[in-house]
């Protein structure tokens, strides 16, 4: 099973991002925890964690409103 991230822009359409592949969900989540700020700065507003072709979940990279 290969885990990877799918990157989306403000319009919800796919945008380019690092083509990383991970052996476990935990490795993928650790990596996104370390790189999300750089991704957000490059225009990525949300990501989807994908196992092979199945989307496990989506997550916004935008700051929460307080």
PDB file of N, CA and C in Angstrom:
ATOM      1  N   UNK A   1       0.837  -1.178   0.000  1.00  0.00           N
ATOM      2  CA  UNK A   1       0.000   0.000   0.000  1.00  0.00           C
ATOM      3  C   UNK A   1       0.884   1.244   0.000  1.00  0.00           C
ATOM      4  N   UNK A   2       0.632   2.106  -0.935  1.00  0.00           N
ATOM      5  CA  UNK A   2       1.381   3.361  -1.021  1.00  0.00           C
ATOM      6  C   UNK A   2       0.479   4.527  -0.626  1.00  0.00           C
ATOM      7  N   UNK A   3       1.020   5.386   0.201  1.00  0.00           N
ATOM      8  CA  UNK A   3       0.305   6.571   0.658  1.00  0.00           C
ATOM      9  C   UNK A   3       0.929   7.799   0.004  1.00  0.00           C
ATOM     10  N   UNK A   4       0.097   8.764  -0.382  1.00  0.00           N
ATOM     11  CA  UNK A   4       0.601  10.004  -0.971  1.00  0.00           C
ATOM     12  C   UNK A   4      -0.404  11.121  -0.705  1.00  0.00           C
ATOM     13  N   UNK A   5       0.022  12.331  -1.015  1.00  0.00           N
ATOM     14  CA  UNK A   5      -0.832  13.501  -0.835  1.00  0.00           C
ATOM     15  C   UNK A   5      -1.237  14.052  -2.190  1.00  0.00           C
ATOM     16  N   UNK A   6      -2.489  14.464  -2.309  1.00  0.00           N
ATOM     17  CA  UNK A   6      -3.002  15.161  -3.478  1.00  0.00           C
ATOM     18  C   UNK A   6      -3.185  16.616  -3.053  1.00  0.00           C
ATOM     19  N   UNK A   7      -2.753  17.536  -3.896  1.00  0.00           N
ATOM     20  CA  UNK A   7      -2.743  18.961  -3.542  1.00  0.00           C
ATOM     21  C   UNK A   7      -3.819  19.707  -4.317  1.00  0.00           C
ATOM     22  N   UNK A   8      -4.512  20.641  -3.637  1.00  0.00           N
ATOM     23  CA  UNK A   8      -5.581  21.419  -4.257  1.00  0.00           C
ATOM     24  C   UNK A   8      -5.385  22.900  -3.982  1.00  0.00           C
ATOM     25  N   UNK A   9      -5.805  23.732  -4.944  1.00  0.00           N
ATOM     26  CA  UNK A   9      -5.728  25.179  -4.809  1.00  0.00           C
ATOM     27  C   UNK A   9      -7.048  25.750  -4.322  1.00  0.00           C
ATOM     28  N   UNK A  10      -7.168  27.072  -4.336  1.00  0.00           N
ATOM     29  CA  UNK A  10      -8.358  27.744  -3.803  1.00  0.00           C
ATOM     30  C   UNK A  10      -9.631  27.360  -4.528  1.00  0.00           C
ATOM     31  N   UNK A  11      -9.537  27.020  -5.809  1.00  0.00           N
ATOM     32  CA  UNK A  11     -10.718  26.645  -6.576  1.00  0.00           C
ATOM     33  C   UNK A  11     -11.061  25.161  -6.448  1.00  0.00           C
ATOM     34  N   UNK A  12     -10.294  24.435  -5.636  1.00  0.00           N
ATOM     35  CA  UNK A  12     -10.539  23.012  -5.431  1.00  0.00           C
ATOM     36  C   UNK A  12      -9.933  22.125  -6.500  1.00  0.00           C
ATOM     37  N   UNK A  13      -9.284  22.730  -7.486  1.00  0.00           N
ATOM     38  CA  UNK A  13      -8.669  21.948  -8.556  1.00  0.00           C
ATOM     39  C   UNK A  13      -7.258  21.528  -8.159  1.00  0.00           C
ATOM     40  N   UNK A  14      -6.809  20.460  -8.771  1.00  0.00           N
ATOM     41  CA  UNK A  14      -5.472  19.928  -8.479  1.00  0.00           C
ATOM     42  C   UNK A  14      -4.395  20.937  -8.846  1.00  0.00           C
ATOM     43  N   UNK A  15      -3.394  21.033  -7.987  1.00  0.00           N
ATOM     44  CA  UNK A  15      -2.213  21.848  -8.259  1.00  0.00           C
ATOM     45  C   UNK A  15      -0.979  20.966  -8.065  1.00  0.00           C
ATOM     46  N   UNK A  16       0.135  21.407  -8.625  1.00  0.00           N
ATOM     47  CA  UNK A  16       1.378  20.660  -8.511  1.00  0.00           C
ATOM     48  C   UNK A  16       1.928  20.732  -7.096  1.00  0.00           C
ATOM     49  N   UNK A  17       2.533  19.651  -6.673  1.00  0.00           N
ATOM     50  CA  UNK A  17       3.190  19.583  -5.379  1.00  0.00           C
ATOM     51  C   UNK A  17       4.221  18.472  -5.413  1.00  0.00           C
ATOM     52  N   UNK A  18       4.957  18.292  -4.337  1.00  0.00           N
ATOM     53  CA  UNK A  18       5.976  17.249  -4.295  1.00  0.00           C
ATOM     54  C   UNK A  18       5.376  15.854  -4.529  1.00  0.00           C
ATOM     55  N   UNK A  19       6.013  15.066  -5.351  1.00  0.00           N
ATOM     56  CA  UNK A  19       5.554  13.708  -5.651  1.00  0.00           C
ATOM     57  C   UNK A  19       6.191  12.739  -4.667  1.00  0.00           C
ATOM     58  N   UNK A  20       5.736  12.786  -3.436  1.00  0.00           N
ATOM     59  CA  UNK A  20       6.265  11.925  -2.377  1.00  0.00           C
ATOM     60  C   UNK A  20       5.361  10.701  -2.224  1.00  0.00           C
ATOM     61  N   UNK A  21       5.950   9.572  -1.883  1.00  0.00           N
ATOM     62  CA  UNK A  21       5.212   8.348  -1.612  1.00  0.00           C
ATOM     63  C   UNK A  21       5.705   7.793  -0.280  1.00  0.00           C
ATOM     64  N   UNK A  22       4.790   7.253   0.510  1.00  0.00           N
ATOM     65  CA  UNK A  22       5.113   6.809   1.868  1.00  0.00           C
ATOM     66  C   UNK A  22       4.631   5.385   2.082  1.00  0.00           C
ATOM     67  N   UNK A  23       5.340   4.663   2.936  1.00  0.00           N
ATOM     68  CA  UNK A  23       4.992   3.285   3.235  1.00  0.00           C
ATOM     69  C   UNK A  23       3.870   3.135   4.242  1.00  0.00           C
ATOM     70  N   UNK A  24       3.576   4.202   4.979  1.00  0.00           N
ATOM     71  CA  UNK A  24       2.513   4.122   5.981  1.00  0.00           C
ATOM     72  C   UNK A  24       1.783   5.462   6.093  1.00  0.00           C
ATOM     73  N   UNK A  25       0.584   5.406   6.632  1.00  0.00           N
ATOM     74  CA  UNK A  25      -0.189   6.621   6.873  1.00  0.00           C
ATOM     75  C   UNK A  25       0.551   7.524   7.854  1.00  0.00           C
ATOM     76  N   UNK A  26       1.148   6.943   8.871  1.00  0.00           N
ATOM     77  CA  UNK A  26       1.871   7.727   9.878  1.00  0.00           C
ATOM     78  C   UNK A  26       3.040   8.490   9.259  1.00  0.00           C
ATOM     79  N   UNK A  27       3.764   7.857   8.342  1.00  0.00           N
ATOM     80  CA  UNK A  27       4.873   8.547   7.674  1.00  0.00           C
ATOM     81  C   UNK A  27       4.366   9.718   6.837  1.00  0.00           C
ATOM     82  N   UNK A  28       3.270   9.510   6.118  1.00  0.00           N
ATOM     83  CA  UNK A  28       2.690  10.574   5.299  1.00  0.00           C
ATOM     84  C   UNK A  28       2.231  11.733   6.174  1.00  0.00           C
ATOM     85  N   UNK A  29       1.597  11.435   7.298  1.00  0.00           N
ATOM     86  CA  UNK A  29       1.104  12.487   8.189  1.00  0.00           C
ATOM     87  C   UNK A  29       2.255  13.229   8.863  1.00  0.00           C
ATOM     88  N   UNK A  30       3.302  12.537   9.192  1.00  0.00           N
ATOM     89  CA  UNK A  30       4.478  13.190   9.769  1.00  0.00           C
ATOM     90  C   UNK A  30       5.088  14.163   8.764  1.00  0.00           C
ATOM     91  N   UNK A  31       5.192  13.727   7.516  1.00  0.00           N
ATOM     92  CA  UNK A  31       5.769  14.569   6.463  1.00  0.00           C
ATOM     93  C   UNK A  31       4.922  15.827   6.249  1.00  0.00           C
ATOM     94  N   UNK A  32       3.606  15.687   6.186  1.00  0.00           N
ATOM     95  CA  UNK A  32       2.756  16.866   5.944  1.00  0.00           C
ATOM     96  C   UNK A  32       2.841  17.814   7.138  1.00  0.00           C
ATOM     97  N   UNK A  33       3.012  17.269   8.333  1.00  0.00           N
ATOM     98  CA  UNK A  33       3.176  18.096   9.524  1.00  0.00           C
ATOM     99  C   UNK A  33       4.422  18.959   9.468  1.00  0.00           C
ATOM    100  N   UNK A  34       5.435  18.490   8.761  1.00  0.00           N
ATOM    101  CA  UNK A  34       6.683  19.225   8.639  1.00  0.00           C
ATOM    102  C   UNK A  34       6.701  20.186   7.454  1.00  0.00           C
ATOM    103  N   UNK A  35       5.846  19.957   6.440  1.00  0.00           N
ATOM    104  CA  UNK A  35       5.946  20.736   5.196  1.00  0.00           C
ATOM    105  C   UNK A  35       4.717  21.565   4.859  1.00  0.00           C
ATOM    106  N   UNK A  36       3.665  21.514   5.673  1.00  0.00           N
ATOM    107  CA  UNK A  36       2.425  22.183   5.279  1.00  0.00           C
ATOM    108  C   UNK A  36       2.598  23.693   5.106  1.00  0.00           C
ATOM    109  N   UNK A  37       3.441  24.318   5.893  1.00  0.00           N
ATOM    110  CA  UNK A  37       3.624  25.774   5.770  1.00  0.00           C
ATOM    111  C   UNK A  37       4.205  26.144   4.400  1.00  0.00           C
ATOM    112  N   UNK A  38       5.185  25.391   3.943  1.00  0.00           N
ATOM    113  CA  UNK A  38       5.781  25.639   2.629  1.00  0.00           C
ATOM    114  C   UNK A  38       4.764  25.391   1.521  1.00  0.00           C
ATOM    115  N   UNK A  39       3.966  24.344   1.670  1.00  0.00           N
ATOM    116  CA  UNK A  39       2.934  24.061   0.678  1.00  0.00           C
ATOM    117  C   UNK A  39       1.914  25.195   0.624  1.00  0.00           C
ATOM    118  N   UNK A  40       1.463  25.656   1.789  1.00  0.00           N
ATOM    119  CA  UNK A  40       0.490  26.750   1.838  1.00  0.00           C
ATOM    120  C   UNK A  40       1.067  28.018   1.215  1.00  0.00           C
ATOM    121  N   UNK A  41       2.336  28.289   1.464  1.00  0.00           N
ATOM    122  CA  UNK A  41       2.984  29.473   0.900  1.00  0.00           C
ATOM    123  C   UNK A  41       3.078  29.391  -0.622  1.00  0.00           C
ATOM    124  N   UNK A  42       3.096  28.174  -1.165  1.00  0.00           N
ATOM    125  CA  UNK A  42       3.183  27.996  -2.613  1.00  0.00           C
ATOM    126  C   UNK A  42       1.819  27.952  -3.297  1.00  0.00           C
ATOM    127  N   UNK A  43       0.730  28.127  -2.522  1.00  0.00           N
ATOM    128  CA  UNK A  43      -0.605  28.182  -3.116  1.00  0.00           C
ATOM    129  C   UNK A  43      -1.478  26.972  -2.881  1.00  0.00           C
ATOM    130  N   UNK A  44      -0.981  25.968  -2.176  1.00  0.00           N
ATOM    131  CA  UNK A  44      -1.800  24.797  -1.850  1.00  0.00           C
ATOM    132  C   UNK A  44      -2.706  25.178  -0.683  1.00  0.00           C
ATOM    133  N   UNK A  45      -4.018  25.034  -0.854  1.00  0.00           N
ATOM    134  CA  UNK A  45      -4.945  25.408   0.218  1.00  0.00           C
ATOM    135  C   UNK A  45      -5.546  24.201   0.934  1.00  0.00           C
ATOM    136  N   UNK A  46      -5.493  23.030   0.294  1.00  0.00           N
ATOM    137  CA  UNK A  46      -5.961  21.813   0.951  1.00  0.00           C
ATOM    138  C   UNK A  46      -5.226  20.613   0.365  1.00  0.00           C
ATOM    139  N   UNK A  47      -5.238  19.530   1.122  1.00  0.00           N
ATOM    140  CA  UNK A  47      -4.590  18.290   0.699  1.00  0.00           C
ATOM    141  C   UNK A  47      -5.541  17.123   0.957  1.00  0.00           C
ATOM    142  N   UNK A  48      -5.334  16.061   0.205  1.00  0.00           N
ATOM    143  CA  UNK A  48      -6.082  14.823   0.423  1.00  0.00           C
ATOM    144  C   UNK A  48      -5.067  13.706   0.589  1.00  0.00           C
ATOM    145  N   UNK A  49      -5.221  12.925   1.647  1.00  0.00           N
ATOM    146  CA  UNK A  49      -4.360  11.767   1.868  1.00  0.00           C
ATOM    147  C   UNK A  49      -4.947  10.598   1.082  1.00  0.00           C
ATOM    148  N   UNK A  50      -4.115  10.023   0.215  1.00  0.00           N
ATOM    149  CA  UNK A  50      -4.576   8.978  -0.700  1.00  0.00           C
ATOM    150  C   UNK A  50      -3.793   7.692  -0.458  1.00  0.00           C
ATOM    151  N   UNK A  51      -4.518   6.599  -0.317  1.00  0.00           N
ATOM    152  CA  UNK A  51      -3.895   5.274  -0.255  1.00  0.00           C
ATOM    153  C   UNK A  51      -4.218   4.588  -1.576  1.00  0.00           C
ATOM    154  N   UNK A  52      -3.196   4.383  -2.392  1.00  0.00           N
ATOM    155  CA  UNK A  52      -3.366   3.908  -3.761  1.00  0.00           C
ATOM    156  C   UNK A  52      -4.312   4.881  -4.473  1.00  0.00           C
ATOM    157  N   UNK A  53      -5.564   4.521  -4.746  1.00  0.00           N
ATOM    158  CA  UNK A  53      -6.516   5.448  -5.396  1.00  0.00           C
ATOM    159  C   UNK A  53      -7.641   5.882  -4.464  1.00  0.00           C
ATOM    160  N   UNK A  54      -7.631   5.423  -3.223  1.00  0.00           N
ATOM    161  CA  UNK A  54      -8.702   5.726  -2.278  1.00  0.00           C
ATOM    162  C   UNK A  54      -8.321   6.924  -1.406  1.00  0.00           C
ATOM    163  N   UNK A  55      -9.234   7.914  -1.332  1.00  0.00           N
ATOM    164  CA  UNK A  55      -9.000   9.081  -0.479  1.00  0.00           C
ATOM    165  C   UNK A  55      -9.369   8.725   0.955  1.00  0.00           C
ATOM    166  N   UNK A  56      -8.382   8.825   1.852  1.00  0.00           N
ATOM    167  CA  UNK A  56      -8.618   8.558   3.279  1.00  0.00           C
ATOM    168  C   UNK A  56      -9.306   9.752   3.935  1.00  0.00           C
ATOM    169  N   UNK A  57      -8.788  10.964   3.704  1.00  0.00           N
ATOM    170  CA  UNK A  57      -9.431  12.186   4.201  1.00  0.00           C
ATOM    171  C   UNK A  57      -8.839  13.402   3.511  1.00  0.00           C
ATOM    172  N   UNK A  58      -9.554  14.533   3.623  1.00  0.00           N
ATOM    173  CA  UNK A  58      -9.085  15.825   3.116  1.00  0.00           C
ATOM    174  C   UNK A  58      -8.842  16.738   4.307  1.00  0.00           C
ATOM    175  N   UNK A  59      -7.923  17.710   4.105  1.00  0.00           N
ATOM    176  CA  UNK A  59      -7.595  18.619   5.191  1.00  0.00           C
ATOM    177  C   UNK A  59      -7.216  19.974   4.599  1.00  0.00           C
ATOM    178  N   UNK A  60      -7.736  21.026   5.206  1.00  0.00           N
ATOM    179  CA  UNK A  60      -7.394  22.382   4.785  1.00  0.00           C
ATOM    180  C   UNK A  60      -6.037  22.782   5.340  1.00  0.00           C
ATOM    181  N   UNK A  61      -5.308  23.583   4.583  1.00  0.00           N
ATOM    182  CA  UNK A  61      -4.052  24.156   5.067  1.00  0.00           C
ATOM    183  C   UNK A  61      -4.217  25.636   5.420  1.00  0.00           C
ATOM    184  N   UNK A  62      -5.440  26.135   5.295  1.00  0.00           N
ATOM    185  CA  UNK A  62      -5.703  27.533   5.616  1.00  0.00           C
ATOM    186  C   UNK A  62      -5.828  27.709   7.121  1.00  0.00           C
ATOM    187  N   UNK A  63      -5.425  28.879   7.632  1.00  0.00           N
ATOM    188  CA  UNK A  63      -5.580  29.134   9.067  1.00  0.00           C
ATOM    189  C   UNK A  63      -7.057  29.167   9.462  1.00  0.00           C
ATOM    190  N   UNK A  64      -7.339  28.733  10.669  1.00  0.00           N
ATOM    191  CA  UNK A  64      -8.718  28.757  11.154  1.00  0.00           C
ATOM    192  C   UNK A  64      -9.083  30.184  11.566  1.00  0.00           C
ATOM    193  N   UNK A  65     -10.346  30.518  11.368  1.00  0.00           N
ATOM    194  CA  UNK A  65     -10.838  31.843  11.780  1.00  0.00           C
ATOM    195  C   UNK A  65     -11.061  31.842  13.283  1.00  0.00           C
ATOM    196  N   UNK A  66     -10.640  32.901  13.919  1.00  0.00           N
ATOM    197  CA  UNK A  66     -10.834  32.976  15.387  1.00  0.00           C
ATOM    198  C   UNK A  66     -11.831  34.032  15.749  1.00  0.00           C
TER     199      UNK A  66
END
